[in-house]
């Protein structure tokens, strides 16, 4: 990775400064509705003191509630959220965020300053700035942290979210094909 010149950009300069927040006492249905309304794939969960409690993602709702046959109107966010949550300081470089995401196989990181939530950085934020950075850091993580990578797939098999390089449509299922990030429709 030494020969790759990553952008010298701090996380706080590219993160979302207004992540969607939900209380842990809300329902999975309310969380799903907020995600649909805002177009977000995750919500930040804060406790009553305003401290980071966790993150609830669309996959948490699907796997921990719906797929288990639970009623989303009765399941509380606190029962399905992902916690503890890894965080990152806003003053770090986006490369640090990409490496941590690759190492932990996650797509979002809450961004902190002095113990307070100041934003959220996602893979999509990094892709918009430097598409190659994610592939490079995933490969770096695979080489340096093989015990931490569960179910690693070759770059052409990894599915990520972002904008298709062919049709420019947003997709949750982009894969690398012939050096381009393509949606399933453009891969046919």
C-alpha atoms as a PDB file:
ATOM      1  CA  UNK A   1       0.000   0.000   0.000  1.00  0.00           C
ATOM      2  CA  UNK A   2       2.992   2.295   0.237  1.00  0.00           C
ATOM      3  CA  UNK A   3       2.914   3.023  -3.511  1.00  0.00           C
ATOM      4  CA  UNK A   4      -0.763   4.033  -3.397  1.00  0.00           C
ATOM      5  CA  UNK A   5      -1.215   7.731  -2.671  1.00  0.00           C
ATOM      6  CA  UNK A   6      -4.492   7.971  -0.818  1.00  0.00           C
ATOM      7  CA  UNK A   7      -6.333  11.246  -0.575  1.00  0.00           C
ATOM      8  CA  UNK A   8      -5.189  13.361   2.363  1.00  0.00           C
ATOM      9  CA  UNK A   9      -8.715  13.961   3.609  1.00  0.00           C
ATOM     10  CA  UNK A  10      -9.963  13.929   7.169  1.00  0.00           C
ATOM     11  CA  UNK A  11     -13.067  11.929   7.997  1.00  0.00           C
ATOM     12  CA  UNK A  12     -14.862  14.976   9.405  1.00  0.00           C
ATOM     13  CA  UNK A  13     -14.579  16.614   5.981  1.00  0.00           C
ATOM     14  CA  UNK A  14     -16.550  13.913   4.136  1.00  0.00           C
ATOM     15  CA  UNK A  15     -18.796  12.335   6.777  1.00  0.00           C
ATOM     16  CA  UNK A  16     -22.506  12.873   7.156  1.00  0.00           C
ATOM     17  CA  UNK A  17     -22.897  15.470   9.891  1.00  0.00           C
ATOM     18  CA  UNK A  18     -26.571  14.696  10.321  1.00  0.00           C
ATOM     19  CA  UNK A  19     -26.963  10.953  10.850  1.00  0.00           C
ATOM     20  CA  UNK A  20     -30.526   9.878  11.522  1.00  0.00           C
ATOM     21  CA  UNK A  21     -30.960   9.210  15.234  1.00  0.00           C
ATOM     22  CA  UNK A  22     -33.468   6.928  16.908  1.00  0.00           C
ATOM     23  CA  UNK A  23     -34.185   6.077  20.526  1.00  0.00           C
ATOM     24  CA  UNK A  24     -33.624   2.509  21.632  1.00  0.00           C
ATOM     25  CA  UNK A  25     -37.202   2.349  22.916  1.00  0.00           C
ATOM     26  CA  UNK A  26     -38.677   2.847  19.419  1.00  0.00           C
ATOM     27  CA  UNK A  27     -39.901  -0.132  17.403  1.00  0.00           C
ATOM     28  CA  UNK A  28     -38.221  -1.906  14.500  1.00  0.00           C
ATOM     29  CA  UNK A  29     -41.157  -0.717  12.384  1.00  0.00           C
ATOM     30  CA  UNK A  30     -40.410   2.909  13.306  1.00  0.00           C
ATOM     31  CA  UNK A  31     -36.725   2.339  12.477  1.00  0.00           C
ATOM     32  CA  UNK A  32     -37.595   0.842   9.077  1.00  0.00           C
ATOM     33  CA  UNK A  33     -39.972   3.725   8.369  1.00  0.00           C
ATOM     34  CA  UNK A  34     -37.280   6.291   9.222  1.00  0.00           C
ATOM     35  CA  UNK A  35     -34.819   4.502   6.944  1.00  0.00           C
ATOM     36  CA  UNK A  36     -37.300   4.463   4.086  1.00  0.00           C
ATOM     37  CA  UNK A  37     -38.235   8.113   4.596  1.00  0.00           C
ATOM     38  CA  UNK A  38     -34.631   9.308   4.772  1.00  0.00           C
ATOM     39  CA  UNK A  39     -33.049   6.882   2.322  1.00  0.00           C
ATOM     40  CA  UNK A  40     -30.591   5.798   5.024  1.00  0.00           C
ATOM     41  CA  UNK A  41     -29.389   2.235   5.513  1.00  0.00           C
ATOM     42  CA  UNK A  42     -28.757   2.711   9.223  1.00  0.00           C
ATOM     43  CA  UNK A  43     -29.762   4.749  12.231  1.00  0.00           C
ATOM     44  CA  UNK A  44     -27.631   5.842  15.157  1.00  0.00           C
ATOM     45  CA  UNK A  45     -29.030   4.844  18.538  1.00  0.00           C
ATOM     46  CA  UNK A  46     -28.457   7.178  21.462  1.00  0.00           C
ATOM     47  CA  UNK A  47     -29.414   6.621  25.091  1.00  0.00           C
ATOM     48  CA  UNK A  48     -31.275   9.119  27.255  1.00  0.00           C
ATOM     49  CA  UNK A  49     -28.018  10.935  28.075  1.00  0.00           C
ATOM     50  CA  UNK A  50     -27.276  11.397  24.360  1.00  0.00           C
ATOM     51  CA  UNK A  51     -24.443   8.873  24.399  1.00  0.00           C
ATOM     52  CA  UNK A  52     -23.861   6.412  21.576  1.00  0.00           C
ATOM     53  CA  UNK A  53     -25.640   3.145  22.343  1.00  0.00           C
ATOM     54  CA  UNK A  54     -25.347   1.383  19.001  1.00  0.00           C
ATOM     55  CA  UNK A  55     -26.408   1.316  15.384  1.00  0.00           C
ATOM     56  CA  UNK A  56     -29.433  -0.354  13.870  1.00  0.00           C
ATOM     57  CA  UNK A  57     -29.083  -1.301  10.204  1.00  0.00           C
ATOM     58  CA  UNK A  58     -31.495  -2.567   7.606  1.00  0.00           C
ATOM     59  CA  UNK A  59     -29.830  -5.973   8.015  1.00  0.00           C
ATOM     60  CA  UNK A  60     -30.471  -5.913  11.773  1.00  0.00           C
ATOM     61  CA  UNK A  61     -34.165  -5.415  11.081  1.00  0.00           C
ATOM     62  CA  UNK A  62     -34.276  -8.131   8.431  1.00  0.00           C
ATOM     63  CA  UNK A  63     -32.203 -10.777  10.217  1.00  0.00           C
ATOM     64  CA  UNK A  64     -33.018 -10.142  13.869  1.00  0.00           C
ATOM     65  CA  UNK A  65     -36.722  -9.295  13.562  1.00  0.00           C
ATOM     66  CA  UNK A  66     -38.439 -10.099  10.272  1.00  0.00           C
ATOM     67  CA  UNK A  67     -36.561 -13.329   9.442  1.00  0.00           C
ATOM     68  CA  UNK A  68     -37.183 -14.531  12.996  1.00  0.00           C
ATOM     69  CA  UNK A  69     -40.923 -14.055  12.521  1.00  0.00           C
ATOM     70  CA  UNK A  70     -41.123 -11.277  15.094  1.00  0.00           C
ATOM     71  CA  UNK A  71     -43.633  -8.450  14.838  1.00  0.00           C
ATOM     72  CA  UNK A  72     -41.716  -5.266  13.857  1.00  0.00           C
ATOM     73  CA  UNK A  73     -44.391  -3.247  15.672  1.00  0.00           C
ATOM     74  CA  UNK A  74     -43.459  -4.962  18.946  1.00  0.00           C
ATOM     75  CA  UNK A  75     -39.709  -5.497  18.634  1.00  0.00           C
ATOM     76  CA  UNK A  76     -37.732  -2.650  20.203  1.00  0.00           C
ATOM     77  CA  UNK A  77     -34.628  -1.169  18.605  1.00  0.00           C
ATOM     78  CA  UNK A  78     -32.662  -2.038  21.749  1.00  0.00           C
ATOM     79  CA  UNK A  79     -33.339  -5.730  21.043  1.00  0.00           C
ATOM     80  CA  UNK A  80     -31.889  -5.691  17.517  1.00  0.00           C
ATOM     81  CA  UNK A  81     -29.240  -2.954  17.465  1.00  0.00           C
ATOM     82  CA  UNK A  82     -25.584  -3.686  16.840  1.00  0.00           C
ATOM     83  CA  UNK A  83     -23.544  -2.955  19.927  1.00  0.00           C
ATOM     84  CA  UNK A  84     -20.882  -2.263  21.061  1.00  0.00           C
ATOM     85  CA  UNK A  85     -20.068  -0.009  18.147  1.00  0.00           C
ATOM     86  CA  UNK A  86     -16.599   0.744  16.865  1.00  0.00           C
ATOM     87  CA  UNK A  87     -16.055   4.459  16.379  1.00  0.00           C
ATOM     88  CA  UNK A  88     -13.388   6.653  14.857  1.00  0.00           C
ATOM     89  CA  UNK A  89     -12.147  10.179  15.531  1.00  0.00           C
ATOM     90  CA  UNK A  90     -13.085  12.777  12.939  1.00  0.00           C
ATOM     91  CA  UNK A  91      -9.530  14.059  12.624  1.00  0.00           C
ATOM     92  CA  UNK A  92      -8.244  10.757  11.223  1.00  0.00           C
ATOM     93  CA  UNK A  93      -7.655  10.213   7.506  1.00  0.00           C
ATOM     94  CA  UNK A  94     -10.338   8.470   5.428  1.00  0.00           C
ATOM     95  CA  UNK A  95      -7.780   5.715   4.824  1.00  0.00           C
ATOM     96  CA  UNK A  96      -7.994   4.921   8.548  1.00  0.00           C
ATOM     97  CA  UNK A  97     -11.778   4.588   8.260  1.00  0.00           C
ATOM     98  CA  UNK A  98     -11.524   2.411   5.142  1.00  0.00           C
ATOM     99  CA  UNK A  99      -8.945   0.141   6.792  1.00  0.00           C
ATOM    100  CA  UNK A 100     -11.032  -0.248   9.950  1.00  0.00           C
ATOM    101  CA  UNK A 101     -14.181  -0.979   7.932  1.00  0.00           C
ATOM    102  CA  UNK A 102     -12.303  -3.571   5.874  1.00  0.00           C
ATOM    103  CA  UNK A 103     -10.723  -5.179   8.932  1.00  0.00           C
ATOM    104  CA  UNK A 104     -14.071  -5.450  10.755  1.00  0.00           C
ATOM    105  CA  UNK A 105     -16.199  -6.141   7.651  1.00  0.00           C
ATOM    106  CA  UNK A 106     -18.508  -3.222   8.416  1.00  0.00           C
ATOM    107  CA  UNK A 107     -19.875  -0.434   6.228  1.00  0.00           C
ATOM    108  CA  UNK A 108     -20.433   2.415   8.708  1.00  0.00           C
ATOM    109  CA  UNK A 109     -18.544   4.096  11.514  1.00  0.00           C
ATOM    110  CA  UNK A 110     -19.841   6.683  13.967  1.00  0.00           C
ATOM    111  CA  UNK A 111     -17.451   9.618  14.072  1.00  0.00           C
ATOM    112  CA  UNK A 112     -16.535  11.069  17.442  1.00  0.00           C
ATOM    113  CA  UNK A 113     -14.876  14.140  18.898  1.00  0.00           C
ATOM    114  CA  UNK A 114     -14.031  14.192  22.614  1.00  0.00           C
ATOM    115  CA  UNK A 115     -16.416  11.305  23.258  1.00  0.00           C
ATOM    116  CA  UNK A 116     -19.356  12.962  21.477  1.00  0.00           C
ATOM    117  CA  UNK A 117     -20.988  11.806  18.249  1.00  0.00           C
ATOM    118  CA  UNK A 118     -20.337  14.314  15.463  1.00  0.00           C
ATOM    119  CA  UNK A 119     -21.299  12.280  12.400  1.00  0.00           C
ATOM    120  CA  UNK A 120     -21.255   9.017  10.499  1.00  0.00           C
ATOM    121  CA  UNK A 121     -18.928   7.871   7.728  1.00  0.00           C
ATOM    122  CA  UNK A 122     -20.007   5.124   5.353  1.00  0.00           C
ATOM    123  CA  UNK A 123     -18.413   3.117   2.569  1.00  0.00           C
ATOM    124  CA  UNK A 124     -20.419   5.229   0.132  1.00  0.00           C
ATOM    125  CA  UNK A 125     -18.774   8.409   1.448  1.00  0.00           C
ATOM    126  CA  UNK A 126     -15.372   6.851   0.765  1.00  0.00           C
ATOM    127  CA  UNK A 127     -16.391   5.468  -2.644  1.00  0.00           C
ATOM    128  CA  UNK A 128     -17.499   8.923  -3.768  1.00  0.00           C
ATOM    129  CA  UNK A 129     -14.080  10.320  -2.884  1.00  0.00           C
ATOM    130  CA  UNK A 130     -11.801   7.426  -3.786  1.00  0.00           C
ATOM    131  CA  UNK A 131     -13.390   4.276  -5.265  1.00  0.00           C
ATOM    132  CA  UNK A 132     -10.103   2.366  -5.343  1.00  0.00           C
ATOM    133  CA  UNK A 133      -9.404   2.993  -1.669  1.00  0.00           C
ATOM    134  CA  UNK A 134     -11.937   0.410  -0.461  1.00  0.00           C
ATOM    135  CA  UNK A 135     -10.590  -2.372  -2.684  1.00  0.00           C
ATOM    136  CA  UNK A 136      -7.035  -1.588  -1.636  1.00  0.00           C
ATOM    137  CA  UNK A 137      -7.813  -1.522   2.072  1.00  0.00           C
ATOM    138  CA  UNK A 138      -9.888  -4.720   1.844  1.00  0.00           C
ATOM    139  CA  UNK A 139      -6.976  -6.492   0.218  1.00  0.00           C
ATOM    140  CA  UNK A 140      -4.613  -5.034   2.834  1.00  0.00           C
ATOM    141  CA  UNK A 141      -6.913  -6.270   5.616  1.00  0.00           C
ATOM    142  CA  UNK A 142      -7.161  -9.712   4.026  1.00  0.00           C
ATOM    143  CA  UNK A 143      -3.373  -9.985   3.961  1.00  0.00           C
ATOM    144  CA  UNK A 144      -2.625  -8.467   7.394  1.00  0.00           C
ATOM    145  CA  UNK A 145      -5.680  -9.563   9.410  1.00  0.00           C
ATOM    146  CA  UNK A 146      -6.751 -12.912   7.915  1.00  0.00           C
ATOM    147  CA  UNK A 147      -8.078 -14.138  11.263  1.00  0.00           C
ATOM    148  CA  UNK A 148     -10.370 -11.088  11.511  1.00  0.00           C
ATOM    149  CA  UNK A 149     -11.916 -11.447   8.054  1.00  0.00           C
ATOM    150  CA  UNK A 150     -14.821 -13.850   8.129  1.00  0.00           C
ATOM    151  CA  UNK A 151     -16.010 -15.140   4.787  1.00  0.00           C
ATOM    152  CA  UNK A 152     -13.691 -12.948   2.729  1.00  0.00           C
ATOM    153  CA  UNK A 153     -14.537 -13.037  -0.953  1.00  0.00           C
ATOM    154  CA  UNK A 154     -12.393 -12.134  -3.907  1.00  0.00           C
ATOM    155  CA  UNK A 155     -12.878  -8.485  -4.984  1.00  0.00           C
ATOM    156  CA  UNK A 156     -15.042  -9.495  -7.951  1.00  0.00           C
ATOM    157  CA  UNK A 157     -17.428 -11.276  -5.542  1.00  0.00           C
ATOM    158  CA  UNK A 158     -17.710  -8.578  -2.865  1.00  0.00           C
ATOM    159  CA  UNK A 159     -21.039  -6.758  -2.873  1.00  0.00           C
ATOM    160  CA  UNK A 160     -21.036  -3.141  -1.752  1.00  0.00           C
ATOM    161  CA  UNK A 161     -23.361  -0.177  -1.967  1.00  0.00           C
ATOM    162  CA  UNK A 162     -22.811   2.783  -4.239  1.00  0.00           C
ATOM    163  CA  UNK A 163     -23.367   4.107  -7.734  1.00  0.00           C
ATOM    164  CA  UNK A 164     -22.949   1.822 -10.749  1.00  0.00           C
ATOM    165  CA  UNK A 165     -20.093   3.039 -12.953  1.00  0.00           C
ATOM    166  CA  UNK A 166     -22.056   2.112 -16.086  1.00  0.00           C
ATOM    167  CA  UNK A 167     -25.643   3.277 -15.585  1.00  0.00           C
ATOM    168  CA  UNK A 168     -24.962   5.634 -12.600  1.00  0.00           C
ATOM    169  CA  UNK A 169     -27.890   4.143 -10.631  1.00  0.00           C
ATOM    170  CA  UNK A 170     -27.498   3.537  -6.871  1.00  0.00           C
ATOM    171  CA  UNK A 171     -27.374  -0.147  -5.922  1.00  0.00           C
ATOM    172  CA  UNK A 172     -26.857  -2.107  -2.721  1.00  0.00           C
ATOM    173  CA  UNK A 173     -25.316  -4.965  -4.766  1.00  0.00           C
ATOM    174  CA  UNK A 174     -22.365  -3.568  -6.721  1.00  0.00           C
ATOM    175  CA  UNK A 175     -19.582  -5.986  -7.605  1.00  0.00           C
ATOM    176  CA  UNK A 176     -16.304  -5.459  -9.397  1.00  0.00           C
ATOM    177  CA  UNK A 177     -16.406  -6.666 -12.995  1.00  0.00           C
ATOM    178  CA  UNK A 178     -13.538  -5.955 -15.380  1.00  0.00           C
ATOM    179  CA  UNK A 179     -12.285  -3.249 -13.023  1.00  0.00           C
ATOM    180  CA  UNK A 180     -15.632  -1.451 -12.715  1.00  0.00           C
ATOM    181  CA  UNK A 181     -18.216  -1.379  -9.933  1.00  0.00           C
ATOM    182  CA  UNK A 182     -21.399  -2.587 -11.646  1.00  0.00           C
ATOM    183  CA  UNK A 183     -24.972  -3.255 -10.552  1.00  0.00           C
ATOM    184  CA  UNK A 184     -26.523  -6.687 -11.291  1.00  0.00           C
ATOM    185  CA  UNK A 185     -28.368  -5.308 -14.333  1.00  0.00           C
ATOM    186  CA  UNK A 186     -25.203  -3.967 -15.989  1.00  0.00           C
ATOM    187  CA  UNK A 187     -23.308  -7.213 -15.357  1.00  0.00           C
ATOM    188  CA  UNK A 188     -25.661  -9.162 -17.644  1.00  0.00           C
END
